[in-house]
Amino acid sequence: MNQSNKIFDGLGRVMNEAAGVADGVRREVETAVKSQVQRLVADMDLVKREDFDALRELVQVQGEEIDTLRKDLAALKGGSGKAK
């Protein structure tokens, strides 16, 4: 009985060490993949989300201003009696 306990204890230690090694390998692979993805994204020269959202908002505001100016211009052309 004592011999089988030693065998199971040894087997348990080996399993724990193997799990620790596997976890270390997993972390190393995650780090390597993350590094490669970050490098790839940096090489693609992508726009940050915050910059995109700010530019989109600016374009919307300018679009509204252009529409207002077009209406004002149309009203001025209509009021002067000159139609083109």
C-alpha atoms as a PDB file:
ATOM      1  CA  MET A   1       0.000   0.000   0.000  1.00  0.00           C
ATOM      2  CA  ASN A   2       2.841   2.380   0.863  1.00  0.00           C
ATOM      3  CA  GLN A   3       4.533   1.653  -2.470  1.00  0.00           C
ATOM      4  CA  SER A   4       1.388   2.521  -4.442  1.00  0.00           C
ATOM      5  CA  ASN A   5       1.031   5.808  -2.495  1.00  0.00           C
ATOM      6  CA  LYS A   6       4.576   6.749  -3.527  1.00  0.00           C
ATOM      7  CA  ILE A   7       3.794   5.914  -7.133  1.00  0.00           C
ATOM      8  CA  PHE A   8       0.621   8.027  -7.080  1.00  0.00           C
ATOM      9  CA  ASP A   9       2.446  10.884  -5.332  1.00  0.00           C
ATOM     10  CA  GLY A  10       5.183  10.767  -7.964  1.00  0.00           C
ATOM     11  CA  LEU A  11       2.627  10.618 -10.753  1.00  0.00           C
ATOM     12  CA  GLY A  12       0.780  13.588  -9.241  1.00  0.00           C
ATOM     13  CA  ARG A  13       3.988  15.622  -9.079  1.00  0.00           C
ATOM     14  CA  VAL A  14       4.810  14.786 -12.689  1.00  0.00           C
ATOM     15  CA  MET A  15       1.304  15.805 -13.765  1.00  0.00           C
ATOM     16  CA  ASN A  16       1.577  19.100 -11.851  1.00  0.00           C
ATOM     17  CA  GLU A  17       4.941  19.866 -13.418  1.00  0.00           C
ATOM     18  CA  ALA A  18       3.608  19.000 -16.874  1.00  0.00           C
ATOM     19  CA  ALA A  19       0.633  21.306 -16.335  1.00  0.00           C
ATOM     20  CA  GLY A  20       2.994  24.091 -15.249  1.00  0.00           C
ATOM     21  CA  VAL A  21       5.169  23.599 -18.309  1.00  0.00           C
ATOM     22  CA  ALA A  22       2.122  23.538 -20.595  1.00  0.00           C
ATOM     23  CA  ASP A  23       0.869  26.779 -19.036  1.00  0.00           C
ATOM     24  CA  GLY A  24       4.271  28.386 -19.569  1.00  0.00           C
ATOM     25  CA  VAL A  25       4.323  27.281 -23.208  1.00  0.00           C
ATOM     26  CA  ARG A  26       0.800  28.638 -23.683  1.00  0.00           C
ATOM     27  CA  ARG A  27       1.830  32.034 -22.289  1.00  0.00           C
ATOM     28  CA  GLU A  28       4.919  32.112 -24.515  1.00  0.00           C
ATOM     29  CA  VAL A  29       2.831  31.310 -27.610  1.00  0.00           C
ATOM     30  CA  GLU A  30       0.247  33.980 -26.680  1.00  0.00           C
ATOM     31  CA  THR A  31       3.004  36.552 -26.232  1.00  0.00           C
ATOM     32  CA  ALA A  32       4.608  35.672 -29.564  1.00  0.00           C
ATOM     33  CA  VAL A  33       1.297  35.767 -31.445  1.00  0.00           C
ATOM     34  CA  LYS A  34       0.269  39.034 -29.808  1.00  0.00           C
ATOM     35  CA  SER A  35       3.612  40.585 -30.733  1.00  0.00           C
ATOM     36  CA  GLN A  36       3.286  39.479 -34.355  1.00  0.00           C
ATOM     37  CA  VAL A  37      -0.287  40.779 -34.620  1.00  0.00           C
ATOM     38  CA  GLN A  38       0.723  44.147 -33.150  1.00  0.00           C
ATOM     39  CA  ARG A  39       3.591  44.389 -35.632  1.00  0.00           C
ATOM     40  CA  LEU A  40       1.282  43.482 -38.517  1.00  0.00           C
ATOM     41  CA  VAL A  41      -1.293  46.091 -37.478  1.00  0.00           C
ATOM     42  CA  ALA A  42       1.434  48.724 -37.087  1.00  0.00           C
ATOM     43  CA  ASP A  43       2.736  47.918 -40.580  1.00  0.00           C
ATOM     44  CA  MET A  44      -0.766  48.317 -42.038  1.00  0.00           C
ATOM     45  CA  ASP A  45      -0.868  51.965 -40.890  1.00  0.00           C
ATOM     46  CA  LEU A  46      -4.455  51.708 -39.653  1.00  0.00           C
ATOM     47  CA  VAL A  47      -6.414  54.631 -38.228  1.00  0.00           C
ATOM     48  CA  LYS A  48      -7.263  54.609 -34.527  1.00  0.00           C
ATOM     49  CA  ARG A  49     -10.965  54.375 -33.705  1.00  0.00           C
ATOM     50  CA  GLU A  50     -10.924  57.672 -31.795  1.00  0.00           C
ATOM     51  CA  ASP A  51      -9.430  59.496 -34.793  1.00  0.00           C
ATOM     52  CA  PHE A  52     -11.977  57.929 -37.141  1.00  0.00           C
ATOM     53  CA  ASP A  53     -14.907  58.900 -34.910  1.00  0.00           C
ATOM     54  CA  ALA A  54     -13.637  62.489 -34.561  1.00  0.00           C
ATOM     55  CA  LEU A  55     -13.231  62.847 -38.324  1.00  0.00           C
ATOM     56  CA  ARG A  56     -16.658  61.326 -38.989  1.00  0.00           C
ATOM     57  CA  GLU A  57     -18.265  63.814 -36.598  1.00  0.00           C
ATOM     58  CA  LEU A  58     -16.433  66.695 -38.287  1.00  0.00           C
ATOM     59  CA  VAL A  59     -17.599  65.555 -41.728  1.00  0.00           C
ATOM     60  CA  GLN A  60     -21.200  65.311 -40.502  1.00  0.00           C
ATOM     61  CA  VAL A  61     -21.091  68.856 -39.124  1.00  0.00           C
ATOM     62  CA  GLN A  62     -19.559  70.171 -42.328  1.00  0.00           C
ATOM     63  CA  GLY A  63     -22.175  68.317 -44.387  1.00  0.00           C
ATOM     64  CA  GLU A  64     -24.937  69.993 -42.397  1.00  0.00           C
ATOM     65  CA  GLU A  65     -23.263  73.389 -42.892  1.00  0.00           C
ATOM     66  CA  ILE A  66     -23.002  72.769 -46.644  1.00  0.00           C
ATOM     67  CA  ASP A  67     -26.694  71.868 -46.820  1.00  0.00           C
ATOM     68  CA  THR A  68     -27.583  75.072 -44.965  1.00  0.00           C
ATOM     69  CA  LEU A  69     -25.401  77.151 -47.285  1.00  0.00           C
ATOM     70  CA  ARG A  70     -26.966  75.521 -50.352  1.00  0.00           C
ATOM     71  CA  LYS A  71     -30.440  76.379 -49.087  1.00  0.00           C
ATOM     72  CA  ASP A  72     -29.367  79.953 -48.357  1.00  0.00           C
ATOM     73  CA  LEU A  73     -27.814  80.250 -51.826  1.00  0.00           C
ATOM     74  CA  ALA A  74     -30.936  78.855 -53.465  1.00  0.00           C
ATOM     75  CA  ALA A  75     -33.062  81.353 -51.523  1.00  0.00           C
ATOM     76  CA  LEU A  76     -30.804  84.222 -52.588  1.00  0.00           C
ATOM     77  CA  LYS A  77     -30.920  83.146 -56.225  1.00  0.00           C
ATOM     78  CA  GLY A  78     -34.675  82.779 -56.081  1.00  0.00           C
ATOM     79  CA  GLY A  79     -35.117  86.191 -54.416  1.00  0.00           C
ATOM     80  CA  SER A  80     -32.964  88.070 -56.941  1.00  0.00           C
ATOM     81  CA  GLY A  81     -35.010  86.927 -59.914  1.00  0.00           C
ATOM     82  CA  LYS A  82     -32.006  85.451 -61.686  1.00  0.00           C
ATOM     83  CA  ALA A  83     -32.442  81.773 -62.495  1.00  0.00           C
ATOM     84  CA  LYS A  84     -29.627  79.738 -63.950  1.00  0.00           C
END
